[in-house]
Amino acid sequence: CNGLSANSTIETCNGCNCFDNGWMDQHRHDHPNQPIMFTENWGWFQPWGQALGIRTPKDLGYSVAEWFAGGGAYHSYYMWHGGNHYGRTAAAG
């Protein structure tokens, strides 16, 4: 993901907003024959030792709308509702 994929895999974006950070434009340039996929839209993310960053539903929804308006082909909702870390048991803090 995000530049670290093997040659035969589809590059995808993981993050809080893959439209605003220019990922889509770079992906179109680097991989013109691949679909534009957003596999992890982080609803909350906590780097080790840092404060918990929680996004509002409005911000999450807007990032999805922006993604599809910009030409995104796929968006995964599993990270939106917490992924497989229910209760944030795997968080850094």
PDB file of N, CA and C in Angstrom:
ATOM      1  N   CYS A   1       0.829  -1.197   0.000  1.00  0.00           N
ATOM      2  CA  CYS A   1       0.000   0.000   0.000  1.00  0.00           C
ATOM      3  C   CYS A   1       0.868   1.254   0.000  1.00  0.00           C
ATOM      4  N   ASN A   2       0.351   2.272  -0.592  1.00  0.00           N
ATOM      5  CA  ASN A   2       0.994   3.584  -0.594  1.00  0.00           C
ATOM      6  C   ASN A   2       2.456   3.534  -1.037  1.00  0.00           C
ATOM      7  N   GLY A   3       2.713   2.835  -2.138  1.00  0.00           N
ATOM      8  CA  GLY A   3       4.055   2.813  -2.718  1.00  0.00           C
ATOM      9  C   GLY A   3       4.905   1.631  -2.337  1.00  0.00           C
ATOM     10  N   LEU A   4       4.400   0.734  -1.519  1.00  0.00           N
ATOM     11  CA  LEU A   4       5.214  -0.390  -1.057  1.00  0.00           C
ATOM     12  C   LEU A   4       4.685  -1.731  -1.556  1.00  0.00           C
ATOM     13  N   SER A   5       4.012  -1.758  -2.712  1.00  0.00           N
ATOM     14  CA  SER A   5       3.433  -2.993  -3.218  1.00  0.00           C
ATOM     15  C   SER A   5       4.372  -3.690  -4.202  1.00  0.00           C
ATOM     16  N   ALA A   6       4.178  -4.999  -4.329  1.00  0.00           N
ATOM     17  CA  ALA A   6       4.954  -5.776  -5.296  1.00  0.00           C
ATOM     18  C   ALA A   6       4.473  -5.448  -6.709  1.00  0.00           C
ATOM     19  N   ASN A   7       5.253  -5.784  -7.700  1.00  0.00           N
ATOM     20  CA  ASN A   7       4.940  -5.437  -9.084  1.00  0.00           C
ATOM     21  C   ASN A   7       3.603  -5.960  -9.577  1.00  0.00           C
ATOM     22  N   SER A   8       3.155  -7.107  -9.114  1.00  0.00           N
ATOM     23  CA  SER A   8       1.935  -7.713  -9.646  1.00  0.00           C
ATOM     24  C   SER A   8       0.683  -7.407  -8.823  1.00  0.00           C
ATOM     25  N   THR A   9       0.780  -6.564  -7.814  1.00  0.00           N
ATOM     26  CA  THR A   9      -0.384  -6.252  -6.991  1.00  0.00           C
ATOM     27  C   THR A   9      -0.960  -4.887  -7.353  1.00  0.00           C
ATOM     28  N   ILE A  10      -2.212  -4.687  -6.968  1.00  0.00           N
ATOM     29  CA  ILE A  10      -2.857  -3.403  -7.201  1.00  0.00           C
ATOM     30  C   ILE A  10      -2.511  -2.475  -6.044  1.00  0.00           C
ATOM     31  N   GLU A  11      -2.000  -1.333  -6.370  1.00  0.00           N
ATOM     32  CA  GLU A  11      -1.670  -0.323  -5.355  1.00  0.00           C
ATOM     33  C   GLU A  11      -2.964   0.265  -4.797  1.00  0.00           C
ATOM     34  N   THR A  12      -3.077   0.378  -3.491  1.00  0.00           N
ATOM     35  CA  THR A  12      -4.260   0.951  -2.845  1.00  0.00           C
ATOM     36  C   THR A  12      -3.835   2.049  -1.881  1.00  0.00           C
ATOM     37  N   CYS A  13      -4.801   2.826  -1.424  1.00  0.00           N
ATOM     38  CA  CYS A  13      -4.515   3.899  -0.475  1.00  0.00           C
ATOM     39  C   CYS A  13      -5.077   3.564   0.898  1.00  0.00           C
ATOM     40  N   ASN A  14      -4.309   3.848   1.912  1.00  0.00           N
ATOM     41  CA  ASN A  14      -4.723   3.737   3.312  1.00  0.00           C
ATOM     42  C   ASN A  14      -4.451   5.077   3.975  1.00  0.00           C
ATOM     43  N   GLY A  15      -5.403   5.587   4.725  1.00  0.00           N
ATOM     44  CA  GLY A  15      -5.197   6.856   5.408  1.00  0.00           C
ATOM     45  C   GLY A  15      -6.499   7.512   5.786  1.00  0.00           C
ATOM     46  N   CYS A  16      -6.423   8.764   6.160  1.00  0.00           N
ATOM     47  CA  CYS A  16      -7.621   9.498   6.569  1.00  0.00           C
ATOM     48  C   CYS A  16      -8.301  10.194   5.400  1.00  0.00           C
ATOM     49  N   ASN A  17      -7.573  10.565   4.391  1.00  0.00           N
ATOM     50  CA  ASN A  17      -8.172  11.199   3.232  1.00  0.00           C
ATOM     51  C   ASN A  17      -7.227  11.028   2.047  1.00  0.00           C
ATOM     52  N   CYS A  18      -7.554  10.111   1.180  1.00  0.00           N
ATOM     53  CA  CYS A  18      -6.687   9.797   0.048  1.00  0.00           C
ATOM     54  C   CYS A  18      -6.958  10.680  -1.163  1.00  0.00           C
ATOM     55  N   PHE A  19      -7.889  11.617  -1.049  1.00  0.00           N
ATOM     56  CA  PHE A  19      -8.146  12.564  -2.126  1.00  0.00           C
ATOM     57  C   PHE A  19      -7.335  13.831  -1.900  1.00  0.00           C
ATOM     58  N   ASP A  20      -7.466  14.428  -0.724  1.00  0.00           N
ATOM     59  CA  ASP A  20      -6.814  15.704  -0.436  1.00  0.00           C
ATOM     60  C   ASP A  20      -5.293  15.627  -0.458  1.00  0.00           C
ATOM     61  N   ASN A  21      -4.732  14.467  -0.154  1.00  0.00           N
ATOM     62  CA  ASN A  21      -3.272  14.374  -0.082  1.00  0.00           C
ATOM     63  C   ASN A  21      -2.611  14.125  -1.442  1.00  0.00           C
ATOM     64  N   GLY A  22      -3.391  14.102  -2.529  1.00  0.00           N
ATOM     65  CA  GLY A  22      -2.838  13.944  -3.864  1.00  0.00           C
ATOM     66  C   GLY A  22      -2.583  12.515  -4.299  1.00  0.00           C
ATOM     67  N   TRP A  23      -2.990  11.544  -3.477  1.00  0.00           N
ATOM     68  CA  TRP A  23      -2.726  10.142  -3.798  1.00  0.00           C
ATOM     69  C   TRP A  23      -3.368   9.733  -5.118  1.00  0.00           C
ATOM     70  N   MET A  24      -4.610  10.150  -5.361  1.00  0.00           N
ATOM     71  CA  MET A  24      -5.315   9.741  -6.585  1.00  0.00           C
ATOM     72  C   MET A  24      -4.571  10.196  -7.843  1.00  0.00           C
ATOM     73  N   ASP A  25      -4.155  11.443  -7.864  1.00  0.00           N
ATOM     74  CA  ASP A  25      -3.440  11.963  -9.036  1.00  0.00           C
ATOM     75  C   ASP A  25      -2.126  11.222  -9.252  1.00  0.00           C
ATOM     76  N   GLN A  26      -1.413  10.962  -8.178  1.00  0.00           N
ATOM     77  CA  GLN A  26      -0.151  10.227  -8.292  1.00  0.00           C
ATOM     78  C   GLN A  26      -0.393   8.804  -8.774  1.00  0.00           C
ATOM     79  N   HIS A  27      -1.451   8.175  -8.275  1.00  0.00           N
ATOM     80  CA  HIS A  27      -1.787   6.805  -8.687  1.00  0.00           C
ATOM     81  C   HIS A  27      -2.138   6.760 -10.182  1.00  0.00           C
ATOM     82  N   ARG A  28      -2.925   7.718 -10.630  1.00  0.00           N
ATOM     83  CA  ARG A  28      -3.279   7.771 -12.056  1.00  0.00           C
ATOM     84  C   ARG A  28      -2.021   7.908 -12.923  1.00  0.00           C
ATOM     85  N   HIS A  29      -1.079   8.690 -12.451  1.00  0.00           N
ATOM     86  CA  HIS A  29       0.170   8.889 -13.186  1.00  0.00           C
ATOM     87  C   HIS A  29       1.022   7.624 -13.190  1.00  0.00           C
ATOM     88  N   ASP A  30       1.193   7.020 -12.018  1.00  0.00           N
ATOM     89  CA  ASP A  30       2.085   5.864 -11.875  1.00  0.00           C
ATOM     90  C   ASP A  30       1.480   4.549 -12.357  1.00  0.00           C
ATOM     91  N   HIS A  31       0.152   4.412 -12.244  1.00  0.00           N
ATOM     92  CA  HIS A  31      -0.527   3.144 -12.555  1.00  0.00           C
ATOM     93  C   HIS A  31      -1.800   3.412 -13.359  1.00  0.00           C
ATOM     94  N   PRO A  32      -1.675   3.879 -14.592  1.00  0.00           N
ATOM     95  CA  PRO A  32      -2.861   4.275 -15.361  1.00  0.00           C
ATOM     96  C   PRO A  32      -3.832   3.137 -15.665  1.00  0.00           C
ATOM     97  N   ASN A  33      -3.402   1.892 -15.564  1.00  0.00           N
ATOM     98  CA  ASN A  33      -4.274   0.759 -15.874  1.00  0.00           C
ATOM     99  C   ASN A  33      -4.838   0.073 -14.633  1.00  0.00           C
ATOM    100  N   GLN A  34      -4.629   0.648 -13.458  1.00  0.00           N
ATOM    101  CA  GLN A  34      -5.152   0.060 -12.225  1.00  0.00           C
ATOM    102  C   GLN A  34      -6.368   0.831 -11.726  1.00  0.00           C
ATOM    103  N   PRO A  35      -7.300   0.132 -11.058  1.00  0.00           N
ATOM    104  CA  PRO A  35      -8.422   0.842 -10.441  1.00  0.00           C
ATOM    105  C   PRO A  35      -7.927   1.674  -9.257  1.00  0.00           C
ATOM    106  N   ILE A  36      -8.718   2.657  -8.884  1.00  0.00           N
ATOM    107  CA  ILE A  36      -8.361   3.542  -7.772  1.00  0.00           C
ATOM    108  C   ILE A  36      -9.119   3.071  -6.544  1.00  0.00           C
ATOM    109  N   MET A  37      -8.394   2.471  -5.591  1.00  0.00           N
ATOM    110  CA  MET A  37      -9.017   1.805  -4.444  1.00  0.00           C
ATOM    111  C   MET A  37      -8.543   2.396  -3.122  1.00  0.00           C
ATOM    112  N   PHE A  38      -9.505   2.650  -2.246  1.00  0.00           N
ATOM    113  CA  PHE A  38      -9.272   3.203  -0.894  1.00  0.00           C
ATOM    114  C   PHE A  38      -9.614   2.082   0.077  1.00  0.00           C
ATOM    115  N   THR A  39      -8.604   1.372   0.567  1.00  0.00           N
ATOM    116  CA  THR A  39      -8.854   0.172   1.368  1.00  0.00           C
ATOM    117  C   THR A  39      -8.966   0.429   2.866  1.00  0.00           C
ATOM    118  N   GLU A  40      -8.401   1.512   3.357  1.00  0.00           N
ATOM    119  CA  GLU A  40      -8.489   1.808   4.790  1.00  0.00           C
ATOM    120  C   GLU A  40      -8.722   3.302   4.993  1.00  0.00           C
ATOM    121  N   ASN A  41      -9.957   3.666   5.287  1.00  0.00           N
ATOM    122  CA  ASN A  41     -10.314   5.051   5.608  1.00  0.00           C
ATOM    123  C   ASN A  41     -10.386   5.121   7.128  1.00  0.00           C
ATOM    124  N   TRP A  42      -9.318   5.534   7.726  1.00  0.00           N
ATOM    125  CA  TRP A  42      -9.184   5.462   9.178  1.00  0.00           C
ATOM    126  C   TRP A  42     -10.163   6.394   9.875  1.00  0.00           C
ATOM    127  N   GLY A  43     -11.042   5.818  10.690  1.00  0.00           N
ATOM    128  CA  GLY A  43     -11.960   6.610  11.506  1.00  0.00           C
ATOM    129  C   GLY A  43     -11.259   7.137  12.747  1.00  0.00           C
ATOM    130  N   TRP A  44     -10.333   6.399  13.227  1.00  0.00           N
ATOM    131  CA  TRP A  44      -9.472   6.830  14.326  1.00  0.00           C
ATOM    132  C   TRP A  44      -8.130   6.161  14.099  1.00  0.00           C
ATOM    133  N   PHE A  45      -7.122   6.831  14.508  1.00  0.00           N
ATOM    134  CA  PHE A  45      -5.779   6.280  14.342  1.00  0.00           C
ATOM    135  C   PHE A  45      -4.917   6.801  15.470  1.00  0.00           C
ATOM    136  N   GLN A  46      -4.121   5.922  16.034  1.00  0.00           N
ATOM    137  CA  GLN A  46      -3.300   6.325  17.169  1.00  0.00           C
ATOM    138  C   GLN A  46      -1.882   5.789  17.027  1.00  0.00           C
ATOM    139  N   PRO A  47      -0.959   6.629  16.564  1.00  0.00           N
ATOM    140  CA  PRO A  47       0.442   6.206  16.579  1.00  0.00           C
ATOM    141  C   PRO A  47       0.904   5.994  18.019  1.00  0.00           C
ATOM    142  N   TRP A  48       1.797   5.081  18.203  1.00  0.00           N
ATOM    143  CA  TRP A  48       2.263   4.735  19.545  1.00  0.00           C
ATOM    144  C   TRP A  48       2.755   5.982  20.286  1.00  0.00           C
ATOM    145  N   GLY A  49       2.226   6.181  21.496  1.00  0.00           N
ATOM    146  CA  GLY A  49       2.651   7.274  22.351  1.00  0.00           C
ATOM    147  C   GLY A  49       2.015   8.622  22.050  1.00  0.00           C
ATOM    148  N   GLN A  50       1.128   8.683  21.055  1.00  0.00           N
ATOM    149  CA  GLN A  50       0.476   9.943  20.707  1.00  0.00           C
ATOM    150  C   GLN A  50      -0.992   9.920  21.116  1.00  0.00           C
ATOM    151  N   ALA A  51      -1.601  11.082  21.124  1.00  0.00           N
ATOM    152  CA  ALA A  51      -3.012  11.193  21.492  1.00  0.00           C
ATOM    153  C   ALA A  51      -3.883  10.521  20.435  1.00  0.00           C
ATOM    154  N   LEU A  52      -5.023  10.029  20.877  1.00  0.00           N
ATOM    155  CA  LEU A  52      -5.985   9.391  19.998  1.00  0.00           C
ATOM    156  C   LEU A  52      -6.649  10.439  19.122  1.00  0.00           C
ATOM    157  N   GLY A  53      -6.620  10.241  17.809  1.00  0.00           N
ATOM    158  CA  GLY A  53      -7.267  11.147  16.871  1.00  0.00           C
ATOM    159  C   GLY A  53      -8.563  10.539  16.381  1.00  0.00           C
ATOM    160  N   ILE A  54      -9.685  11.127  16.737  1.00  0.00           N
ATOM    161  CA  ILE A  54     -10.995  10.613  16.329  1.00  0.00           C
ATOM    162  C   ILE A  54     -11.610  11.590  15.334  1.00  0.00           C
ATOM    163  N   ARG A  55     -12.031  11.078  14.191  1.00  0.00           N
ATOM    164  CA  ARG A  55     -12.660  11.902  13.167  1.00  0.00           C
ATOM    165  C   ARG A  55     -14.176  11.935  13.366  1.00  0.00           C
ATOM    166  N   THR A  56     -14.775  13.022  12.971  1.00  0.00           N
ATOM    167  CA  THR A  56     -16.230  13.148  13.085  1.00  0.00           C
ATOM    168  C   THR A  56     -16.897  12.379  11.945  1.00  0.00           C
ATOM    169  N   PRO A  57     -18.151  11.967  12.136  1.00  0.00           N
ATOM    170  CA  PRO A  57     -18.882  11.317  11.041  1.00  0.00           C
ATOM    171  C   PRO A  57     -18.962  12.208   9.800  1.00  0.00           C
ATOM    172  N   LYS A  58     -19.095  13.509  10.003  1.00  0.00           N
ATOM    173  CA  LYS A  58     -19.150  14.448   8.881  1.00  0.00           C
ATOM    174  C   LYS A  58     -17.860  14.388   8.069  1.00  0.00           C
ATOM    175  N   ASP A  59     -16.713  14.376   8.743  1.00  0.00           N
ATOM    176  CA  ASP A  59     -15.428  14.317   8.059  1.00  0.00           C
ATOM    177  C   ASP A  59     -15.258  12.996   7.307  1.00  0.00           C
ATOM    178  N   LEU A  60     -15.639  11.898   7.941  1.00  0.00           N
ATOM    179  CA  LEU A  60     -15.553  10.595   7.287  1.00  0.00           C
ATOM    180  C   LEU A  60     -16.423  10.555   6.037  1.00  0.00           C
ATOM    181  N   GLY A  61     -17.678  10.992   6.184  1.00  0.00           N
ATOM    182  CA  GLY A  61     -18.605  10.990   5.059  1.00  0.00           C
ATOM    183  C   GLY A  61     -18.119  11.870   3.919  1.00  0.00           C
ATOM    184  N   TYR A  62     -17.585  13.026   4.264  1.00  0.00           N
ATOM    185  CA  TYR A  62     -17.084  13.941   3.245  1.00  0.00           C
ATOM    186  C   TYR A  62     -15.904  13.326   2.490  1.00  0.00           C
ATOM    187  N   SER A  63     -15.034  12.630   3.208  1.00  0.00           N
ATOM    188  CA  SER A  63     -13.880  12.027   2.536  1.00  0.00           C
ATOM    189  C   SER A  63     -14.320  10.943   1.554  1.00  0.00           C
ATOM    190  N   VAL A  64     -15.395  10.217   1.885  1.00  0.00           N
ATOM    191  CA  VAL A  64     -15.913   9.191   0.966  1.00  0.00           C
ATOM    192  C   VAL A  64     -16.549   9.857  -0.259  1.00  0.00           C
ATOM    193  N   ALA A  65     -17.337  10.906  -0.035  1.00  0.00           N
ATOM    194  CA  ALA A  65     -17.964  11.616  -1.155  1.00  0.00           C
ATOM    195  C   ALA A  65     -16.902  12.209  -2.075  1.00  0.00           C
ATOM    196  N   GLU A  66     -15.882  12.802  -1.497  1.00  0.00           N
ATOM    197  CA  GLU A  66     -14.778  13.376  -2.267  1.00  0.00           C
ATOM    198  C   GLU A  66     -14.071  12.299  -3.094  1.00  0.00           C
ATOM    199  N   TRP A  67     -13.882  11.147  -2.474  1.00  0.00           N
ATOM    200  CA  TRP A  67     -13.199  10.024  -3.120  1.00  0.00           C
ATOM    201  C   TRP A  67     -13.931   9.597  -4.387  1.00  0.00           C
ATOM    202  N   PHE A  68     -15.234   9.360  -4.275  1.00  0.00           N
ATOM    203  CA  PHE A  68     -15.990   8.910  -5.448  1.00  0.00           C
ATOM    204  C   PHE A  68     -16.171  10.033  -6.468  1.00  0.00           C
ATOM    205  N   ALA A  69     -16.335  11.258  -6.014  1.00  0.00           N
ATOM    206  CA  ALA A  69     -16.442  12.391  -6.939  1.00  0.00           C
ATOM    207  C   ALA A  69     -15.148  12.569  -7.728  1.00  0.00           C
ATOM    208  N   GLY A  70     -14.031  12.203  -7.129  1.00  0.00           N
ATOM    209  CA  GLY A  70     -12.734  12.319  -7.789  1.00  0.00           C
ATOM    210  C   GLY A  70     -12.398  11.150  -8.700  1.00  0.00           C
ATOM    211  N   GLY A  71     -13.287  10.151  -8.768  1.00  0.00           N
ATOM    212  CA  GLY A  71     -13.065   9.022  -9.664  1.00  0.00           C
ATOM    213  C   GLY A  71     -12.688   7.728  -8.987  1.00  0.00           C
ATOM    214  N   GLY A  72     -12.767   7.673  -7.661  1.00  0.00           N
ATOM    215  CA  GLY A  72     -12.459   6.444  -6.949  1.00  0.00           C
ATOM    216  C   GLY A  72     -13.385   5.307  -7.351  1.00  0.00           C
ATOM    217  N   ALA A  73     -12.851   4.093  -7.466  1.00  0.00           N
ATOM    218  CA  ALA A  73     -13.625   2.943  -7.910  1.00  0.00           C
ATOM    219  C   ALA A  73     -14.085   2.060  -6.755  1.00  0.00           C
ATOM    220  N   TYR A  74     -13.448   2.166  -5.597  1.00  0.00           N
ATOM    221  CA  TYR A  74     -13.736   1.247  -4.489  1.00  0.00           C
ATOM    222  C   TYR A  74     -13.395   1.933  -3.178  1.00  0.00           C
ATOM    223  N   HIS A  75     -14.219   1.670  -2.182  1.00  0.00           N
ATOM    224  CA  HIS A  75     -13.962   2.169  -0.833  1.00  0.00           C
ATOM    225  C   HIS A  75     -14.374   1.093   0.162  1.00  0.00           C
ATOM    226  N   SER A  76     -13.494   0.747   1.077  1.00  0.00           N
ATOM    227  CA  SER A  76     -13.786  -0.261   2.099  1.00  0.00           C
ATOM    228  C   SER A  76     -14.236   0.421   3.382  1.00  0.00           C
ATOM    229  N   TYR A  77     -15.344  -0.044   3.930  1.00  0.00           N
ATOM    230  CA  TYR A  77     -15.888   0.547   5.148  1.00  0.00           C
ATOM    231  C   TYR A  77     -15.405  -0.139   6.421  1.00  0.00           C
ATOM    232  N   TYR A  78     -14.621  -1.193   6.320  1.00  0.00           N
ATOM    233  CA  TYR A  78     -14.298  -1.938   7.538  1.00  0.00           C
ATOM    234  C   TYR A  78     -13.498  -1.113   8.543  1.00  0.00           C
ATOM    235  N   MET A  79     -12.627  -0.231   8.090  1.00  0.00           N
ATOM    236  CA  MET A  79     -11.874   0.595   9.031  1.00  0.00           C
ATOM    237  C   MET A  79     -12.722   1.737   9.582  1.00  0.00           C
ATOM    238  N   TRP A  80     -13.786   2.077   8.878  1.00  0.00           N
ATOM    239  CA  TRP A  80     -14.666   3.165   9.295  1.00  0.00           C
ATOM    240  C   TRP A  80     -15.328   2.826  10.623  1.00  0.00           C
ATOM    241  N   HIS A  81     -15.713   1.574  10.796  1.00  0.00           N
ATOM    242  CA  HIS A  81     -16.398   1.205  12.032  1.00  0.00           C
ATOM    243  C   HIS A  81     -15.482   0.515  13.028  1.00  0.00           C
ATOM    244  N   GLY A  82     -14.218   0.564  12.812  1.00  0.00           N
ATOM    245  CA  GLY A  82     -13.284   0.026  13.796  1.00  0.00           C
ATOM    246  C   GLY A  82     -12.505  -1.183  13.325  1.00  0.00           C
ATOM    247  N   GLY A  83     -12.757  -1.646  12.104  1.00  0.00           N
ATOM    248  CA  GLY A  83     -12.018  -2.800  11.600  1.00  0.00           C
ATOM    249  C   GLY A  83     -12.231  -4.011  12.483  1.00  0.00           C
ATOM    250  N   ASN A  84     -11.194  -4.763  12.723  1.00  0.00           N
ATOM    251  CA  ASN A  84     -11.332  -5.943  13.564  1.00  0.00           C
ATOM    252  C   ASN A  84     -10.792  -5.705  14.973  1.00  0.00           C
ATOM    253  N   HIS A  85     -10.658  -4.470  15.362  1.00  0.00           N
ATOM    254  CA  HIS A  85     -10.165  -4.137  16.688  1.00  0.00           C
ATOM    255  C   HIS A  85     -11.310  -3.533  17.518  1.00  0.00           C
ATOM    256  N   TYR A  86     -12.342  -4.301  17.711  1.00  0.00           N
ATOM    257  CA  TYR A  86     -13.515  -3.824  18.444  1.00  0.00           C
ATOM    258  C   TYR A  86     -13.112  -3.403  19.857  1.00  0.00           C
ATOM    259  N   GLY A  87     -13.615  -2.271  20.274  1.00  0.00           N
ATOM    260  CA  GLY A  87     -13.284  -1.750  21.593  1.00  0.00           C
ATOM    261  C   GLY A  87     -11.888  -1.161  21.661  1.00  0.00           C
ATOM    262  N   ARG A  88     -11.245  -1.010  20.532  1.00  0.00           N
ATOM    263  CA  ARG A  88      -9.895  -0.432  20.448  1.00  0.00           C
ATOM    264  C   ARG A  88      -8.877  -1.202  21.301  1.00  0.00           C
ATOM    265  N   THR A  89      -9.070  -2.495  21.396  1.00  0.00           N
ATOM    266  CA  THR A  89      -8.190  -3.313  22.224  1.00  0.00           C
ATOM    267  C   THR A  89      -6.784  -3.419  21.664  1.00  0.00           C
ATOM    268  N   ALA A  90      -6.595  -3.102  20.396  1.00  0.00           N
ATOM    269  CA  ALA A  90      -5.259  -3.209  19.809  1.00  0.00           C
ATOM    270  C   ALA A  90      -4.609  -1.825  19.622  1.00  0.00           C
ATOM    271  N   ALA A  91      -5.181  -0.802  20.211  1.00  0.00           N
ATOM    272  CA  ALA A  91      -4.638   0.546  20.047  1.00  0.00           C
ATOM    273  C   ALA A  91      -3.288   0.679  20.741  1.00  0.00           C
ATOM    274  N   ALA A  92      -2.572   1.701  20.352  1.00  0.00           N
ATOM    275  CA  ALA A  92      -1.224   1.904  20.870  1.00  0.00           C
ATOM    276  C   ALA A  92      -1.195   2.356  22.328  1.00  0.00           C
ATOM    277  N   GLY A  93      -2.215   3.011  22.779  1.00  0.00           N
ATOM    278  CA  GLY A  93      -2.180   3.579  24.124  1.00  0.00           C
ATOM    279  C   GLY A  93      -3.052   2.878  25.036  1.00  0.00           C
TER     280      GLY A  93
END
